[in-house]
Amino acid sequence: MTHSCRAYIVDDDDDIRFLIASTIEFANHGLEVAGVAASGEEALAALPQLRPDVIVLDFRMPDRDGLEIAEEILGADPSQNVVLFSAYIDTATEERAERIGVRECVSKDQLKALPDILRQYCSAA
């Protein structure tokens, strides 16, 4: 039985959301876009209805940073797969993400690898 992997994209940049969605859809390895959100608050509001397998979460957003959003998501559901996808990842951010329960931190320059990274979190779903 093939399970479609549903990714939820959260990034405040319209172009980046489009680029991530296009990359996921182009890869077409059982991945689909469950939804997109332009802010952390928008993401949290839609999350219960979308029930994605994995969340691709930007770090720097205007309302709240991605790790604050990840903390809220994982506080409610520790089994949710969250991947931090950011141009601004340093050691302190990675350590904070690991403490919160984020599965992986991926630099935005690794966009082409993102579908493969996401798929590894879907096989368990």
Protein backbone atom coordinates (compact mmCIF):
# COMPACT_ATOMS: atom_id res chain seq x y z
CA MET A 1 0.00 0.00 0.00
CA THR A 2 1.51 3.30 -1.07
CA HIS A 3 1.04 6.13 1.36
CA SER A 4 1.11 9.66 0.03
CA CYS A 5 3.30 11.89 2.17
CA ARG A 6 1.67 15.23 2.93
CA ALA A 7 3.96 18.19 3.57
CA TYR A 8 2.82 21.49 5.10
CA ILE A 9 4.97 24.46 4.04
CA VAL A 10 5.30 27.41 6.42
CA ASP A 11 7.36 30.36 5.19
CA ASP A 12 6.67 34.10 5.14
CA ASP A 13 8.25 34.53 1.68
CA ASP A 14 5.80 33.93 -1.20
CA ASP A 15 8.59 32.97 -3.62
CA ILE A 16 10.14 30.47 -1.20
CA ARG A 17 6.75 28.83 -0.50
CA PHE A 18 6.22 28.49 -4.25
CA LEU A 19 9.75 27.13 -4.75
CA ILE A 20 9.38 24.52 -1.99
CA ALA A 21 5.94 23.46 -3.24
CA SER A 22 7.20 23.21 -6.83
CA THR A 23 10.24 21.18 -5.76
CA ILE A 24 8.06 18.76 -3.79
CA GLU A 25 5.55 18.37 -6.61
CA PHE A 26 8.28 18.03 -9.27
CA ALA A 27 10.06 15.31 -7.26
CA ASN A 28 6.78 13.37 -7.31
CA HIS A 29 8.01 10.60 -5.04
CA GLY A 30 4.76 10.09 -3.17
CA LEU A 31 5.00 13.64 -1.82
CA GLU A 32 2.23 16.17 -2.00
CA VAL A 33 1.68 19.63 -0.58
CA ALA A 34 -0.97 19.47 2.15
CA GLY A 35 -1.06 23.24 2.45
CA VAL A 36 0.95 26.42 2.76
CA ALA A 37 1.01 29.16 5.38
CA ALA A 38 2.64 32.59 5.37
CA SER A 39 3.02 32.88 9.15
CA GLY A 40 3.33 30.80 12.27
CA GLU A 41 -0.11 31.84 13.49
CA GLU A 42 -1.68 30.93 10.14
CA ALA A 43 0.09 27.56 10.31
CA LEU A 44 -1.17 26.80 13.81
CA ALA A 45 -4.74 27.75 12.89
CA ALA A 46 -4.90 25.37 9.90
CA LEU A 47 -2.85 22.50 11.33
CA PRO A 48 -5.71 20.52 12.93
CA GLN A 49 -7.60 20.34 9.64
CA LEU A 50 -4.56 19.56 7.45
CA ARG A 51 -2.97 16.79 9.54
CA PRO A 52 0.28 16.73 7.52
CA ASP A 53 2.90 13.98 7.78
CA VAL A 54 5.70 16.54 7.91
CA ILE A 55 5.92 20.30 8.41
CA VAL A 56 8.56 22.36 6.60
CA LEU A 57 9.02 25.36 8.87
CA ASP A 58 10.98 28.55 8.22
CA PHE A 59 12.96 29.94 11.14
CA ARG A 60 12.81 33.71 10.59
CA MET A 61 9.25 34.94 10.27
CA PRO A 62 7.74 38.28 11.29
CA ASP A 63 5.18 37.09 13.85
CA ARG A 64 7.08 34.39 15.78
CA ASP A 65 10.21 32.44 14.97
CA GLY A 66 9.89 28.92 13.62
CA LEU A 67 11.19 27.28 16.77
CA GLU A 68 8.51 28.96 18.89
CA ILE A 69 5.93 27.57 16.46
CA ALA A 70 7.65 24.16 16.49
CA GLU A 71 7.58 24.16 20.29
CA GLU A 72 3.83 24.78 20.29
CA ILE A 73 3.19 22.12 17.62
CA LEU A 74 5.37 19.51 19.31
CA GLY A 75 3.99 20.37 22.75
CA ALA A 76 0.55 19.38 21.47
CA ASP A 77 1.77 16.39 19.40
CA PRO A 78 5.33 15.17 20.06
CA SER A 79 5.05 12.66 17.20
CA GLN A 80 4.60 15.39 14.55
CA ASN A 81 7.53 15.56 12.12
CA VAL A 82 8.91 19.09 11.91
CA VAL A 83 11.82 20.04 9.65
CA LEU A 84 13.32 23.49 10.15
CA PHE A 85 14.16 24.89 6.70
CA SER A 86 16.12 28.11 6.94
CA ALA A 87 18.96 30.15 5.53
CA TYR A 88 19.90 31.02 9.11
CA ILE A 89 20.96 27.86 10.89
CA ASP A 90 23.78 27.99 13.40
CA THR A 91 24.86 25.66 16.18
CA ALA A 92 22.72 27.39 18.81
CA THR A 93 19.65 27.13 16.55
CA GLU A 94 20.33 23.44 15.87
CA GLU A 95 20.73 22.71 19.60
CA ARG A 96 17.52 24.57 20.44
CA ALA A 97 15.69 22.72 17.65
CA GLU A 98 16.94 19.35 18.92
CA ARG A 99 15.79 20.13 22.49
CA ILE A 100 12.32 21.05 21.18
CA GLY A 101 12.04 17.85 19.13
CA VAL A 102 12.55 19.17 15.58
CA ARG A 103 13.59 16.19 13.44
CA GLU A 104 16.12 17.99 11.28
CA CYS A 105 17.51 21.41 10.38
CA VAL A 106 18.01 21.91 6.66
CA SER A 107 19.67 24.89 5.01
CA LYS A 108 17.72 26.55 2.21
CA ASP A 109 20.64 25.95 -0.14
CA GLN A 110 19.75 22.23 0.08
CA LEU A 111 16.36 22.75 -1.59
CA LYS A 112 16.99 20.04 -4.21
CA ALA A 113 17.57 17.47 -1.44
CA LEU A 114 14.43 18.47 0.47
CA PRO A 115 12.04 15.90 -1.09
CA ASP A 116 14.37 13.03 -0.12
CA ILE A 117 14.81 14.47 3.37
CA LEU A 118 11.03 14.77 3.81
CA ARG A 119 10.34 11.27 2.53
CA GLN A 120 12.39 9.70 5.29
CA TYR A 121 9.89 11.10 7.81
CA CYS A 122 6.93 9.75 5.89
CA SER A 123 7.79 6.08 5.82
CA ALA A 124 7.00 5.89 9.52
CA ALA A 125 3.71 7.72 9.07
